[in-house]
C-alpha atoms as a PDB file:
ATOM      1  CA  MET A   1     114.542 125.481  84.990  1.00  0.00           C
ATOM      2  CA  GLU A   2     115.995 124.923  88.419  1.00  0.00           C
ATOM      3  CA  ALA A   3     113.682 122.026  89.284  1.00  0.00           C
ATOM      4  CA  LYS A   4     114.628 120.083  86.142  1.00  0.00           C
ATOM      5  CA  LYS A   5     118.327 120.630  86.885  1.00  0.00           C
ATOM      6  CA  LYS A   6     117.765 119.146  90.346  1.00  0.00           C
ATOM      7  CA  GLY A   7     116.131 116.062  88.839  1.00  0.00           C
ATOM      8  CA  TYR A   8     112.445 116.753  89.468  1.00  0.00           C
ATOM      9  CA  PRO A   9     110.399 115.366  86.543  1.00  0.00           C
ATOM     10  CA  ILE A  10     107.448 117.743  86.971  1.00  0.00           C
ATOM     11  CA  CYS A  11     107.721 121.465  87.637  1.00  0.00           C
ATOM     12  CA  LEU A  12     105.254 123.825  89.273  1.00  0.00           C
ATOM     13  CA  TYR A  13     104.881 127.146  87.480  1.00  0.00           C
ATOM     14  CA  ALA A  14     104.173 130.346  89.363  1.00  0.00           C
ATOM     15  CA  ASP A  15     102.855 133.576  87.888  1.00  0.00           C
ATOM     16  CA  ALA A  16     105.364 135.590  85.868  1.00  0.00           C
ATOM     17  CA  ALA A  17     104.754 138.907  87.656  1.00  0.00           C
ATOM     18  CA  THR A  18     105.311 138.007  91.317  1.00  0.00           C
ATOM     19  CA  HIS A  19     106.211 134.293  91.366  1.00  0.00           C
ATOM     20  CA  SER A  20     103.844 133.941  94.321  1.00  0.00           C
ATOM     21  CA  LEU A  21     100.702 132.497  92.695  1.00  0.00           C
ATOM     22  CA  VAL A  22     100.384 128.915  91.450  1.00  0.00           C
ATOM     23  CA  GLU A  23      99.439 128.647  87.769  1.00  0.00           C
ATOM     24  CA  GLU A  24     100.030 125.086  86.566  1.00  0.00           C
ATOM     25  CA  PHE A  25     102.361 122.094  86.463  1.00  0.00           C
ATOM     26  CA  SER A  26     104.651 121.426  83.513  1.00  0.00           C
ATOM     27  CA  THR A  27     102.566 118.380  82.575  1.00  0.00           C
ATOM     28  CA  SER A  28      99.089 119.261  83.809  1.00  0.00           C
ATOM     29  CA  ASN A  29      96.692 121.730  85.339  1.00  0.00           C
ATOM     30  CA  PHE A  30      96.762 122.527  89.043  1.00  0.00           C
ATOM     31  CA  ILE A  31      93.559 122.049  91.031  1.00  0.00           C
ATOM     32  CA  GLY A  32      92.709 121.915  94.691  1.00  0.00           C
ATOM     33  CA  ILE A  33      89.772 120.392  96.511  1.00  0.00           C
ATOM     34  CA  ASP A  34      88.554 122.215  99.619  1.00  0.00           C
ATOM     35  CA  ASN A  35      86.467 119.541 101.346  1.00  0.00           C
ATOM     36  CA  THR A  36      85.628 121.795 104.286  1.00  0.00           C
ATOM     37  CA  ASN A  37      83.856 124.311 102.044  1.00  0.00           C
ATOM     38  CA  ASN A  38      82.929 121.904  99.219  1.00  0.00           C
ATOM     39  CA  LYS A  39      84.964 123.810  96.604  1.00  0.00           C
ATOM     40  CA  TYR A  40      86.875 122.928  93.463  1.00  0.00           C
ATOM     41  CA  VAL A  41      89.665 125.508  93.259  1.00  0.00           C
ATOM     42  CA  THR A  42      91.720 126.265  90.167  1.00  0.00           C
ATOM     43  CA  PRO A  43      94.001 129.148  89.182  1.00  0.00           C
ATOM     44  CA  LYS A  44      92.627 132.050  87.165  1.00  0.00           C
ATOM     45  CA  SER A  45      95.336 133.182  84.790  1.00  0.00           C
ATOM     46  CA  ASP A  46      95.597 134.688  81.333  1.00  0.00           C
ATOM     47  CA  SER A  47      98.896 132.880  80.745  1.00  0.00           C
ATOM     48  CA  VAL A  48      97.475 129.365  81.186  1.00  0.00           C
ATOM     49  CA  LEU A  49      95.970 127.885  78.046  1.00  0.00           C
ATOM     50  CA  PRO A  50      92.335 126.763  78.287  1.00  0.00           C
ATOM     51  CA  SER A  51      92.106 123.055  79.113  1.00  0.00           C
ATOM     52  CA  ILE A  52      89.309 120.711  78.126  1.00  0.00           C
ATOM     53  CA  THR A  53      90.318 118.523  81.083  1.00  0.00           C
ATOM     54  CA  ASN A  54      89.956 121.346  83.598  1.00  0.00           C
ATOM     55  CA  LYS A  55      86.733 122.511  81.936  1.00  0.00           C
ATOM     56  CA  SER A  56      85.317 118.976  82.183  1.00  0.00           C
ATOM     57  CA  LEU A  57      86.401 118.577  85.820  1.00  0.00           C
ATOM     58  CA  LYS A  58      84.824 121.926  86.728  1.00  0.00           C
ATOM     59  CA  THR A  59      81.552 120.768  85.166  1.00  0.00           C
ATOM     60  CA  ILE A  60      81.650 117.414  86.969  1.00  0.00           C
ATOM     61  CA  ALA A  61      82.521 119.054  90.301  1.00  0.00           C
ATOM     62  CA  SER A  62      79.652 121.488  89.948  1.00  0.00           C
ATOM     63  CA  GLU A  63      76.937 119.374  88.351  1.00  0.00           C
ATOM     64  CA  GLU A  64      77.644 115.924  89.795  1.00  0.00           C
ATOM     65  CA  TYR A  65      79.042 116.785  93.225  1.00  0.00           C
ATOM     66  CA  GLY A  66      77.402 120.140  93.897  1.00  0.00           C
ATOM     67  CA  MET A  67      80.751 121.810  94.512  1.00  0.00           C
ATOM     68  CA  VAL A  68      81.371 125.513  94.197  1.00  0.00           C
ATOM     69  CA  VAL A  69      83.891 126.143  91.415  1.00  0.00           C
ATOM     70  CA  GLU A  70      86.320 128.899  92.334  1.00  0.00           C
ATOM     71  CA  GLU A  71      88.972 130.373  90.063  1.00  0.00           C
ATOM     72  CA  ARG A  72      91.520 132.175  92.213  1.00  0.00           C
ATOM     73  CA  GLU A  73      94.201 134.659  91.231  1.00  0.00           C
END
């Protein structure tokens, strides 16, 4: 991995097909918070393993904060 060779401890993985869509970090899931539209945004990908952490955060965002949960390709 190029990032590791350059000394970055955590890498960002893009989709395998086009390398243009964010999928996850090497150590964790990727999420985004859109405060303007009150959204919790996370990648939708078949190559990312299901995560109990992301599942829990989606539930908290939705149920506790009333956020719209959006899984984007």
